[in-house]
């Protein structure tokens, strides 16, 4: 999970940002009530958030591995 505070309004947050603030405790400028209301309005679920979170971390890990491999090949 990213550690920066989400400052945009819940209506402008991405689905991942809503998941991170509502389910995983990421800090946000707006109230938990406003965030949960938008979470429910969009029909998000814990299953969706879990999959999106896994995809985010998997993509981040792959990017780091690719960069490391590129550095090795340049030497």
N, C-alpha and C. Protein backbone atom coordinates (compact mmCIF):
# COMPACT_ATOMS: atom_id res chain seq x y z
N UNK A 1 0.83 -1.17 0.00
CA UNK A 1 0.00 0.00 0.00
C UNK A 1 0.89 1.24 0.00
N UNK A 2 0.46 2.20 -0.74
CA UNK A 2 1.20 3.47 -0.77
C UNK A 2 0.96 4.23 0.53
N UNK A 3 1.93 5.02 0.93
CA UNK A 3 1.84 5.65 2.25
C UNK A 3 1.41 7.12 2.22
N UNK A 4 1.39 7.75 1.06
CA UNK A 4 1.02 9.16 1.02
C UNK A 4 -0.47 9.34 1.30
N UNK A 5 -0.82 10.51 1.80
CA UNK A 5 -2.21 10.82 2.10
C UNK A 5 -2.96 11.15 0.82
N UNK A 6 -4.16 10.60 0.67
CA UNK A 6 -5.00 10.91 -0.49
C UNK A 6 -5.72 12.22 -0.20
N UNK A 7 -5.53 13.20 -1.08
CA UNK A 7 -6.10 14.52 -0.83
C UNK A 7 -7.30 14.84 -1.72
N UNK A 8 -7.54 14.05 -2.75
CA UNK A 8 -8.66 14.32 -3.64
C UNK A 8 -9.97 13.86 -3.00
N UNK A 9 -11.07 14.41 -3.48
CA UNK A 9 -12.37 14.03 -2.94
C UNK A 9 -12.68 12.59 -3.33
N UNK A 10 -13.50 11.91 -2.54
CA UNK A 10 -13.81 10.50 -2.84
C UNK A 10 -14.37 10.29 -4.25
N UNK A 11 -15.12 11.27 -4.76
CA UNK A 11 -15.69 11.14 -6.11
C UNK A 11 -14.60 11.15 -7.18
N UNK A 12 -13.45 11.73 -6.88
CA UNK A 12 -12.35 11.82 -7.84
C UNK A 12 -11.26 10.78 -7.61
N UNK A 13 -11.38 9.99 -6.55
CA UNK A 13 -10.39 8.96 -6.26
C UNK A 13 -10.54 7.81 -7.25
N UNK A 14 -9.41 7.17 -7.53
CA UNK A 14 -9.47 5.96 -8.35
C UNK A 14 -10.02 4.82 -7.47
N UNK A 15 -10.42 3.74 -8.10
CA UNK A 15 -10.93 2.59 -7.34
C UNK A 15 -9.86 2.08 -6.38
N UNK A 16 -8.62 2.05 -6.82
CA UNK A 16 -7.53 1.57 -5.97
C UNK A 16 -7.35 2.48 -4.76
N UNK A 17 -7.43 3.79 -4.96
CA UNK A 17 -7.32 4.71 -3.83
C UNK A 17 -8.47 4.51 -2.84
N UNK A 18 -9.67 4.30 -3.34
CA UNK A 18 -10.79 4.03 -2.44
C UNK A 18 -10.56 2.75 -1.65
N UNK A 19 -10.08 1.72 -2.32
CA UNK A 19 -9.79 0.46 -1.63
C UNK A 19 -8.74 0.65 -0.55
N UNK A 20 -7.67 1.36 -0.89
CA UNK A 20 -6.58 1.54 0.06
C UNK A 20 -7.02 2.33 1.29
N UNK A 21 -7.86 3.33 1.09
CA UNK A 21 -8.30 4.13 2.24
C UNK A 21 -9.39 3.42 3.03
N UNK A 22 -10.32 2.78 2.36
CA UNK A 22 -11.46 2.16 3.05
C UNK A 22 -11.07 0.85 3.74
N UNK A 23 -10.33 0.00 3.04
CA UNK A 23 -10.03 -1.33 3.58
C UNK A 23 -8.66 -1.45 4.23
N UNK A 24 -7.68 -0.74 3.71
CA UNK A 24 -6.30 -0.98 4.15
C UNK A 24 -5.71 0.15 5.00
N UNK A 25 -6.50 1.16 5.33
CA UNK A 25 -6.07 2.17 6.28
C UNK A 25 -5.17 3.27 5.76
N UNK A 26 -5.12 3.48 4.45
CA UNK A 26 -4.33 4.59 3.93
C UNK A 26 -4.98 5.90 4.38
N UNK A 27 -4.19 6.87 4.76
CA UNK A 27 -4.72 8.14 5.25
C UNK A 27 -5.37 8.92 4.12
N UNK A 28 -6.43 9.64 4.48
CA UNK A 28 -7.15 10.47 3.50
C UNK A 28 -7.60 11.76 4.17
N UNK A 29 -7.75 12.78 3.36
CA UNK A 29 -8.18 14.09 3.85
C UNK A 29 -9.67 14.07 4.22
N UNK A 30 -10.46 13.25 3.57
CA UNK A 30 -11.91 13.23 3.77
C UNK A 30 -12.33 12.16 4.77
N UNK A 31 -13.55 12.28 5.25
CA UNK A 31 -14.04 11.39 6.30
C UNK A 31 -14.22 9.96 5.79
N UNK A 32 -14.14 9.05 6.71
CA UNK A 32 -14.35 7.63 6.39
C UNK A 32 -15.77 7.41 5.86
N UNK A 33 -16.72 8.17 6.36
CA UNK A 33 -18.10 8.05 5.90
C UNK A 33 -18.21 8.40 4.41
N UNK A 34 -17.59 9.50 3.99
CA UNK A 34 -17.63 9.91 2.59
C UNK A 34 -16.95 8.87 1.70
N UNK A 35 -15.85 8.33 2.19
CA UNK A 35 -15.13 7.31 1.42
C UNK A 35 -15.94 6.03 1.32
N UNK A 36 -16.55 5.59 2.42
CA UNK A 36 -17.35 4.37 2.39
C UNK A 36 -18.59 4.53 1.52
N UNK A 37 -19.16 5.73 1.51
CA UNK A 37 -20.32 6.00 0.67
C UNK A 37 -19.96 5.84 -0.81
N UNK A 38 -18.81 6.40 -1.21
CA UNK A 38 -18.37 6.29 -2.61
C UNK A 38 -17.97 4.86 -2.95
N UNK A 39 -17.35 4.18 -2.01
CA UNK A 39 -16.98 2.76 -2.18
C UNK A 39 -18.22 1.92 -2.50
N UNK A 40 -19.27 2.13 -1.73
CA UNK A 40 -20.51 1.38 -1.94
C UNK A 40 -21.24 1.82 -3.21
N UNK A 41 -21.22 3.13 -3.51
CA UNK A 41 -21.88 3.63 -4.71
C UNK A 41 -21.29 3.01 -5.97
N UNK A 42 -19.98 2.79 -5.96
CA UNK A 42 -19.31 2.18 -7.12
C UNK A 42 -19.44 0.66 -7.14
N UNK A 43 -19.95 0.09 -6.07
CA UNK A 43 -20.14 -1.35 -6.02
C UNK A 43 -18.85 -2.13 -5.88
N UNK A 44 -17.86 -1.54 -5.21
CA UNK A 44 -16.58 -2.22 -5.01
C UNK A 44 -16.74 -3.30 -3.95
N UNK A 45 -15.87 -4.28 -4.01
CA UNK A 45 -15.91 -5.36 -3.03
C UNK A 45 -14.51 -5.64 -2.50
N UNK A 46 -14.44 -6.36 -1.39
CA UNK A 46 -13.15 -6.72 -0.83
C UNK A 46 -12.38 -7.61 -1.80
N UNK A 47 -13.08 -8.47 -2.51
CA UNK A 47 -12.45 -9.35 -3.48
C UNK A 47 -11.81 -8.54 -4.61
N UNK A 48 -12.54 -7.56 -5.13
CA UNK A 48 -12.00 -6.69 -6.18
C UNK A 48 -10.76 -5.96 -5.67
N UNK A 49 -10.85 -5.40 -4.47
CA UNK A 49 -9.73 -4.64 -3.90
C UNK A 49 -8.51 -5.52 -3.68
N UNK A 50 -8.73 -6.72 -3.24
CA UNK A 50 -7.62 -7.64 -3.01
C UNK A 50 -6.90 -7.96 -4.33
N UNK A 51 -7.68 -8.21 -5.37
CA UNK A 51 -7.09 -8.50 -6.69
C UNK A 51 -6.35 -7.29 -7.24
N UNK A 52 -6.93 -6.11 -7.12
CA UNK A 52 -6.30 -4.89 -7.61
C UNK A 52 -5.00 -4.62 -6.86
N UNK A 53 -5.01 -4.85 -5.55
CA UNK A 53 -3.83 -4.65 -4.73
C UNK A 53 -2.72 -5.64 -5.12
N UNK A 54 -3.09 -6.89 -5.33
CA UNK A 54 -2.12 -7.90 -5.75
C UNK A 54 -1.52 -7.54 -7.11
N UNK A 55 -2.35 -7.09 -8.04
CA UNK A 55 -1.86 -6.70 -9.37
C UNK A 55 -0.89 -5.53 -9.27
N UNK A 56 -1.20 -4.57 -8.42
CA UNK A 56 -0.34 -3.40 -8.25
C UNK A 56 1.04 -3.83 -7.75
N UNK A 57 1.08 -4.67 -6.72
CA UNK A 57 2.36 -5.08 -6.16
C UNK A 57 3.11 -6.02 -7.09
N UNK A 58 2.42 -6.84 -7.82
CA UNK A 58 3.06 -7.73 -8.79
C UNK A 58 3.70 -6.90 -9.91
N UNK A 59 2.98 -5.92 -10.40
CA UNK A 59 3.52 -5.05 -11.46
C UNK A 59 4.73 -4.27 -10.96
N UNK A 60 4.67 -3.79 -9.74
CA UNK A 60 5.80 -3.06 -9.15
C UNK A 60 7.02 -3.96 -9.03
N UNK A 61 6.82 -5.19 -8.59
CA UNK A 61 7.93 -6.13 -8.44
C UNK A 61 8.55 -6.46 -9.80
N UNK A 62 7.73 -6.68 -10.80
CA UNK A 62 8.22 -7.01 -12.13
C UNK A 62 9.04 -5.84 -12.69
N UNK A 63 8.56 -4.62 -12.51
CA UNK A 63 9.31 -3.45 -12.98
C UNK A 63 10.68 -3.36 -12.33
N UNK A 64 10.75 -3.63 -11.03
CA UNK A 64 12.03 -3.59 -10.33
C UNK A 64 12.96 -4.68 -10.85
N UNK A 65 12.43 -5.86 -11.11
CA UNK A 65 13.26 -6.95 -11.63
C UNK A 65 13.78 -6.62 -13.03
N UNK A 66 12.95 -6.02 -13.86
CA UNK A 66 13.36 -5.65 -15.21
C UNK A 66 14.46 -4.60 -15.15
N UNK A 67 14.32 -3.62 -14.29
CA UNK A 67 15.36 -2.60 -14.15
C UNK A 67 16.67 -3.21 -13.68
N UNK A 68 16.60 -4.12 -12.72
CA UNK A 68 17.81 -4.78 -12.23
C UNK A 68 18.47 -5.59 -13.33
N UNK A 69 17.68 -6.27 -14.12
CA UNK A 69 18.22 -7.07 -15.24
C UNK A 69 18.84 -6.17 -16.29
N UNK A 70 18.23 -5.03 -16.55
CA UNK A 70 18.78 -4.08 -17.52
C UNK A 70 20.13 -3.53 -17.05
N UNK A 71 20.25 -3.29 -15.76
CA UNK A 71 21.52 -2.80 -15.22
C UNK A 71 22.61 -3.86 -15.36
N UNK A 72 22.24 -5.12 -15.14
CA UNK A 72 23.20 -6.22 -15.29
C UNK A 72 23.67 -6.34 -16.73
N UNK A 73 22.75 -6.22 -17.66
CA UNK A 73 23.10 -6.40 -19.06
C UNK A 73 23.94 -5.25 -19.62
N UNK A 74 23.85 -4.08 -19.01
CA UNK A 74 24.64 -2.92 -19.46
C UNK A 74 26.11 -3.06 -19.05
N UNK A 75 26.38 -3.82 -18.02
CA UNK A 75 27.76 -3.95 -17.53
C UNK A 75 28.59 -4.81 -18.40
